[in-house]
Amino acid sequence: MLYYIAIAITIISNVFYQLLQKAIPKETNLFISLIVTYITSIVICITIFLFNSNWAN
């Protein structure tokens, strides 16, 4: 079952990535956009890690 969930998450992530990439204006500095993307991802990952019940035990 986890195999199918992983595939679904990958597909959904790629769809959102493509849609959001098209929403970025062409005048935007690409490096700034990339930095914001990575910072957002890091914050989300750290938040999930801190609230993970396995880590708390």
N, C-alpha and C. Protein backbone atom coordinates (compact mmCIF):
# COMPACT_ATOMS: atom_id res chain seq x y z
N MET A 1 0.82 -1.20 0.00
CA MET A 1 0.00 0.00 0.00
C MET A 1 0.87 1.27 0.00
N LEU A 2 1.95 1.25 0.79
CA LEU A 2 2.82 2.41 0.85
C LEU A 2 3.45 2.71 -0.52
N TYR A 3 3.64 1.66 -1.30
CA TYR A 3 4.18 1.83 -2.64
C TYR A 3 3.28 2.73 -3.49
N TYR A 4 2.00 2.52 -3.42
CA TYR A 4 1.06 3.31 -4.20
C TYR A 4 0.94 4.74 -3.66
N ILE A 5 1.05 4.89 -2.35
CA ILE A 5 1.01 6.22 -1.76
C ILE A 5 2.22 7.03 -2.22
N ALA A 6 3.39 6.40 -2.26
CA ALA A 6 4.60 7.08 -2.72
C ALA A 6 4.48 7.52 -4.17
N ILE A 7 3.91 6.68 -5.01
CA ILE A 7 3.71 7.02 -6.42
C ILE A 7 2.71 8.18 -6.53
N ALA A 8 1.64 8.14 -5.76
CA ALA A 8 0.63 9.20 -5.81
C ALA A 8 1.23 10.54 -5.35
N ILE A 9 2.03 10.52 -4.29
CA ILE A 9 2.67 11.75 -3.81
C ILE A 9 3.61 12.31 -4.87
N THR A 10 4.35 11.45 -5.54
CA THR A 10 5.26 11.90 -6.60
C THR A 10 4.50 12.55 -7.75
N ILE A 11 3.43 11.95 -8.18
CA ILE A 11 2.63 12.49 -9.29
C ILE A 11 2.01 13.83 -8.89
N ILE A 12 1.41 13.88 -7.71
CA ILE A 12 0.78 15.12 -7.26
C ILE A 12 1.82 16.23 -7.12
N SER A 13 2.97 15.90 -6.57
CA SER A 13 4.04 16.90 -6.41
C SER A 13 4.50 17.45 -7.75
N ASN A 14 4.66 16.57 -8.72
CA ASN A 14 5.10 17.02 -10.05
C ASN A 14 4.05 17.91 -10.72
N VAL A 15 2.79 17.58 -10.55
CA VAL A 15 1.73 18.41 -11.13
C VAL A 15 1.75 19.80 -10.50
N PHE A 16 1.82 19.85 -9.16
CA PHE A 16 1.89 21.16 -8.49
C PHE A 16 3.14 21.93 -8.88
N TYR A 17 4.26 21.24 -9.01
CA TYR A 17 5.50 21.90 -9.40
C TYR A 17 5.36 22.56 -10.77
N GLN A 18 4.82 21.83 -11.72
CA GLN A 18 4.66 22.37 -13.07
C GLN A 18 3.70 23.56 -13.08
N LEU A 19 2.60 23.46 -12.35
CA LEU A 19 1.64 24.57 -12.30
C LEU A 19 2.23 25.80 -11.64
N LEU A 20 2.95 25.60 -10.55
CA LEU A 20 3.52 26.74 -9.83
C LEU A 20 4.70 27.36 -10.57
N GLN A 21 5.44 26.57 -11.30
CA GLN A 21 6.55 27.12 -12.09
C GLN A 21 6.02 28.07 -13.17
N LYS A 22 4.88 27.76 -13.73
CA LYS A 22 4.30 28.62 -14.76
C LYS A 22 3.73 29.91 -14.17
N ALA A 23 3.46 29.90 -12.85
CA ALA A 23 2.90 31.08 -12.20
C ALA A 23 3.97 32.10 -11.83
N ILE A 24 5.24 31.71 -11.89
CA ILE A 24 6.33 32.63 -11.54
C ILE A 24 6.55 33.59 -12.71
N PRO A 25 6.54 34.89 -12.45
CA PRO A 25 6.76 35.85 -13.54
C PRO A 25 8.15 35.70 -14.16
N LYS A 26 8.26 35.98 -15.44
CA LYS A 26 9.53 35.84 -16.15
C LYS A 26 10.58 36.84 -15.67
N GLU A 27 10.14 37.94 -15.09
CA GLU A 27 11.07 38.97 -14.62
C GLU A 27 11.75 38.59 -13.31
N THR A 28 11.23 37.56 -12.64
CA THR A 28 11.76 37.15 -11.34
C THR A 28 13.13 36.50 -11.53
N ASN A 29 14.04 36.85 -10.61
CA ASN A 29 15.36 36.23 -10.62
C ASN A 29 15.20 34.74 -10.30
N LEU A 30 15.74 33.88 -11.14
CA LEU A 30 15.56 32.44 -10.97
C LEU A 30 16.22 31.93 -9.69
N PHE A 31 17.35 32.51 -9.32
CA PHE A 31 18.03 32.06 -8.12
C PHE A 31 17.23 32.41 -6.86
N ILE A 32 16.61 33.57 -6.86
CA ILE A 32 15.76 33.96 -5.72
C ILE A 32 14.58 33.00 -5.62
N SER A 33 13.99 32.67 -6.74
CA SER A 33 12.88 31.73 -6.76
C SER A 33 13.31 30.37 -6.23
N LEU A 34 14.47 29.92 -6.63
CA LEU A 34 14.99 28.63 -6.18
C LEU A 34 15.28 28.65 -4.68
N ILE A 35 15.86 29.74 -4.19
CA ILE A 35 16.15 29.87 -2.76
C ILE A 35 14.86 29.83 -1.95
N VAL A 36 13.84 30.55 -2.39
CA VAL A 36 12.56 30.56 -1.68
C VAL A 36 11.95 29.16 -1.67
N THR A 37 12.06 28.46 -2.78
CA THR A 37 11.53 27.10 -2.86
C THR A 37 12.22 26.19 -1.87
N TYR A 38 13.55 26.24 -1.81
CA TYR A 38 14.28 25.38 -0.89
C TYR A 38 14.03 25.75 0.57
N ILE A 39 13.95 27.02 0.88
CA ILE A 39 13.67 27.43 2.26
C ILE A 39 12.29 26.95 2.68
N THR A 40 11.32 27.07 1.80
CA THR A 40 9.97 26.59 2.10
C THR A 40 9.98 25.08 2.35
N SER A 41 10.69 24.35 1.53
CA SER A 41 10.78 22.90 1.69
C SER A 41 11.44 22.52 3.00
N ILE A 42 12.51 23.22 3.34
CA ILE A 42 13.22 22.94 4.60
C ILE A 42 12.31 23.19 5.79
N VAL A 43 11.58 24.30 5.77
CA VAL A 43 10.67 24.61 6.88
C VAL A 43 9.59 23.54 7.01
N ILE A 44 9.03 23.12 5.91
CA ILE A 44 8.00 22.07 5.94
C ILE A 44 8.57 20.77 6.47
N CYS A 45 9.75 20.39 6.01
CA CYS A 45 10.37 19.13 6.47
C CYS A 45 10.70 19.18 7.96
N ILE A 46 11.23 20.29 8.44
CA ILE A 46 11.55 20.41 9.86
C ILE A 46 10.27 20.37 10.70
N THR A 47 9.22 21.02 10.23
CA THR A 47 7.94 21.00 10.95
C THR A 47 7.39 19.58 11.03
N ILE A 48 7.42 18.87 9.94
CA ILE A 48 6.94 17.48 9.95
C ILE A 48 7.80 16.63 10.87
N PHE A 49 9.11 16.84 10.83
CA PHE A 49 10.02 16.08 11.69
C PHE A 49 9.72 16.32 13.17
N LEU A 50 9.50 17.58 13.54
CA LEU A 50 9.26 17.91 14.94
C LEU A 50 7.93 17.36 15.46
N PHE A 51 6.94 17.27 14.59
CA PHE A 51 5.63 16.78 15.01
C PHE A 51 5.44 15.28 14.76
N ASN A 52 6.48 14.64 14.29
CA ASN A 52 6.41 13.20 14.05
C ASN A 52 6.38 12.48 15.38
N SER A 53 5.41 11.62 15.59
CA SER A 53 5.26 10.95 16.89
C SER A 53 6.40 9.99 17.17
N ASN A 54 7.02 9.42 16.15
CA ASN A 54 8.14 8.50 16.37
C ASN A 54 9.34 9.23 16.95
N TRP A 55 9.55 10.48 16.56
CA TRP A 55 10.68 11.25 17.07
C TRP A 55 10.47 11.64 18.53
N ALA A 56 9.23 11.88 18.90
CA ALA A 56 8.93 12.32 20.26
C ALA A 56 9.16 11.20 21.27
N ASN A 57 9.07 9.97 20.87
CA ASN A 57 9.23 8.83 21.81
C ASN A 57 10.66 8.58 22.09
